[in-house]
Protein backbone atom coordinates (compact mmCIF):
# COMPACT_ATOMS: atom_id res chain seq x y z
CA SER A 1 -71.76 -17.85 -98.82
CA ALA A 2 -71.04 -14.13 -99.15
CA ILE A 3 -69.18 -13.94 -95.84
CA TRP A 4 -66.42 -16.13 -97.31
CA LEU A 5 -66.64 -15.45 -101.06
CA LEU A 6 -66.42 -11.66 -100.97
CA PRO A 7 -63.28 -11.50 -98.78
CA VAL A 8 -61.62 -13.87 -101.27
CA VAL A 9 -62.82 -12.01 -104.38
CA PHE A 10 -61.55 -8.65 -103.15
CA PRO A 11 -57.86 -9.57 -102.61
CA LEU A 12 -57.72 -11.63 -105.81
CA VAL A 13 -59.11 -8.85 -107.96
CA MET A 14 -57.08 -6.31 -105.98
CA ALA A 15 -53.93 -8.22 -106.98
CA PHE A 16 -54.97 -7.78 -110.63
CA GLY A 17 -55.44 -4.04 -110.08
CA GLY A 18 -52.07 -3.95 -108.33
CA ALA A 19 -50.43 -5.60 -111.33
CA LEU A 20 -51.94 -2.90 -113.57
CA GLY A 21 -50.47 -0.24 -111.30
CA VAL A 22 -47.03 -1.89 -111.18
CA MET A 23 -47.01 -2.11 -114.99
CA GLY A 24 -47.83 1.59 -115.21
CA ILE A 25 -51.20 1.04 -116.90
CA ALA A 26 -53.31 4.10 -116.14
CA LEU A 27 -56.69 3.75 -114.49
CA PRO A 28 -58.84 6.89 -114.40
CA SER A 29 -60.26 8.29 -111.19
CA VAL A 30 -58.58 5.86 -108.77
CA GLU A 31 -59.11 8.12 -105.75
CA ILE A 32 -62.77 8.60 -106.66
CA GLY A 33 -63.21 4.84 -107.04
CA ILE A 34 -61.70 4.26 -103.61
CA ALA A 35 -63.85 6.97 -102.01
CA LEU A 36 -66.97 5.56 -103.69
CA SER A 37 -66.09 2.10 -102.39
CA ALA A 38 -66.14 3.36 -98.80
CA LEU A 39 -69.36 5.31 -99.38
CA VAL A 40 -71.22 2.49 -101.17
CA LEU A 41 -69.99 -0.42 -99.06
CA GLY A 42 -70.46 1.58 -95.84
CA CYS A 43 -74.06 2.32 -96.87
CA MET A 44 -74.61 -1.36 -97.65
CA VAL A 45 -73.52 -2.24 -94.11
CA LEU A 46 -75.50 0.63 -92.60
CA PHE A 47 -78.71 -0.42 -94.33
CA ALA A 48 -77.98 -4.18 -94.03
CA THR A 49 -78.32 -4.55 -97.80
CA ARG A 50 -78.16 -8.12 -99.08
CA PRO A 51 -77.93 -8.08 -102.89
CA PRO A 52 -77.66 -11.31 -104.87
CA LEU A 53 -74.20 -12.82 -104.52
CA TRP A 54 -73.21 -12.10 -108.11
CA VAL A 55 -74.13 -8.41 -107.67
CA ALA A 56 -72.15 -8.17 -104.43
CA ALA A 57 -69.15 -9.91 -106.01
CA THR A 58 -69.28 -7.56 -109.02
CA ILE A 59 -69.41 -4.47 -106.80
CA VAL A 60 -66.59 -5.74 -104.57
CA GLY A 61 -64.49 -6.74 -107.59
CA LEU A 62 -64.92 -3.37 -109.28
CA PHE A 63 -63.82 -1.49 -106.18
CA ALA A 64 -60.95 -3.93 -105.60
CA ILE A 65 -59.39 -2.93 -108.92
CA PHE A 66 -59.10 0.68 -107.72
CA HIS A 67 -57.64 -0.31 -104.35
CA GLY A 68 -55.14 -2.64 -105.98
CA HIS A 69 -54.13 -0.08 -108.59
CA ALA A 70 -53.40 2.44 -105.84
CA HIS A 71 -51.19 -0.09 -104.05
CA GLY A 72 -49.44 -1.03 -107.29
CA THR A 73 -48.57 2.55 -108.15
CA GLU A 74 -47.17 3.04 -104.62
CA LEU A 75 -44.56 0.31 -105.10
CA PRO A 76 -41.35 1.54 -103.47
CA GLU A 77 -38.41 1.76 -105.88
CA ALA A 78 -36.30 -0.71 -103.90
CA ALA A 79 -39.12 -3.20 -103.19
CA SER A 80 -39.73 -6.49 -104.90
CA PRO A 81 -43.05 -6.20 -106.77
CA LEU A 82 -43.93 -9.78 -105.83
CA ALA A 83 -43.13 -9.38 -102.12
CA PHE A 84 -44.90 -6.01 -102.00
CA SER A 85 -48.00 -7.47 -103.69
CA VAL A 86 -48.09 -10.52 -101.43
CA GLY A 87 -47.82 -8.16 -98.46
CA PHE A 88 -50.72 -5.92 -99.42
CA VAL A 89 -52.92 -8.86 -100.40
CA LEU A 90 -52.21 -10.66 -97.10
CA ALA A 91 -52.79 -7.47 -95.10
CA THR A 92 -56.10 -6.96 -96.89
CA GLY A 93 -57.07 -10.55 -96.17
CA LEU A 94 -56.37 -10.00 -92.47
CA LEU A 95 -58.46 -6.82 -92.51
CA HIS A 96 -61.31 -8.78 -94.06
CA LEU A 97 -60.94 -11.46 -91.39
CA CYS A 98 -61.30 -8.72 -88.77
CA GLY A 99 -64.44 -7.53 -90.59
CA ILE A 100 -65.87 -11.04 -90.53
CA LEU A 101 -65.21 -11.28 -86.81
CA ILE A 102 -66.85 -7.89 -86.21
CA SER A 103 -69.85 -8.99 -88.29
CA LEU A 104 -70.43 -11.81 -85.81
CA LEU A 105 -71.72 -9.12 -83.47
CA SER A 106 -74.80 -9.01 -85.72
CA ARG A 107 -76.13 -12.05 -83.90
CA TRP A 108 -77.29 -9.75 -81.11
CA ARG A 109 -79.51 -6.67 -81.29
CA ALA A 110 -76.89 -4.37 -79.72
CA GLY A 111 -74.24 -5.89 -81.97
CA ARG A 112 -76.30 -5.14 -85.08
CA ALA A 113 -76.46 -1.51 -83.99
CA VAL A 114 -72.67 -1.43 -83.55
CA VAL A 115 -72.06 -3.00 -86.96
CA ARG A 116 -74.50 -0.63 -88.65
CA ALA A 117 -72.92 2.36 -86.88
CA GLY A 118 -69.57 1.19 -88.22
CA GLY A 119 -71.08 1.16 -91.70
CA ALA A 120 -72.30 4.72 -91.17
CA ILE A 121 -68.84 5.86 -90.11
CA ILE A 122 -67.26 4.22 -93.17
CA ALA A 123 -69.88 5.79 -95.45
CA VAL A 124 -69.28 9.25 -93.99
CA ALA A 125 -65.53 8.81 -94.39
CA GLY A 126 -66.10 7.80 -98.02
CA ALA A 127 -68.28 10.85 -98.61
CA LEU A 128 -65.61 13.11 -97.11
CA PHE A 129 -62.89 11.50 -99.26
CA LEU A 130 -65.13 11.92 -102.28
CA LEU A 131 -65.65 15.61 -101.56
CA ARG A 132 -61.91 16.04 -101.12
CA ALA A 133 -61.27 14.33 -104.47
CA PHE A 134 -63.17 17.10 -106.26
């Protein structure tokens, strides 16, 4: 099911993007990719979009590369790349767990409104980040 697959896909693919960043492999428009991820995924929550699982996994995986690359290029000079990567992947996993728990509010009408409002806030933040990137 998407509620479990997508939060696994994101950190795994993010780790790949992080490895690219650690190795110094350039990825164009990282900030734009991150901003678009907030805008697109926020809109998907806002509008309760339910694409086929393979489409959702592709979208999540694409955006995960940008997030991971940003983390990888931020590797502190004195940090262990492995420990740093494990840390950001675990932190992301915990954030996704929080998102899953918040999504449980969707079982109730008022909860659906709260979840969709959260999607709107994320989408607006993504749009603002996108404007700032240009």
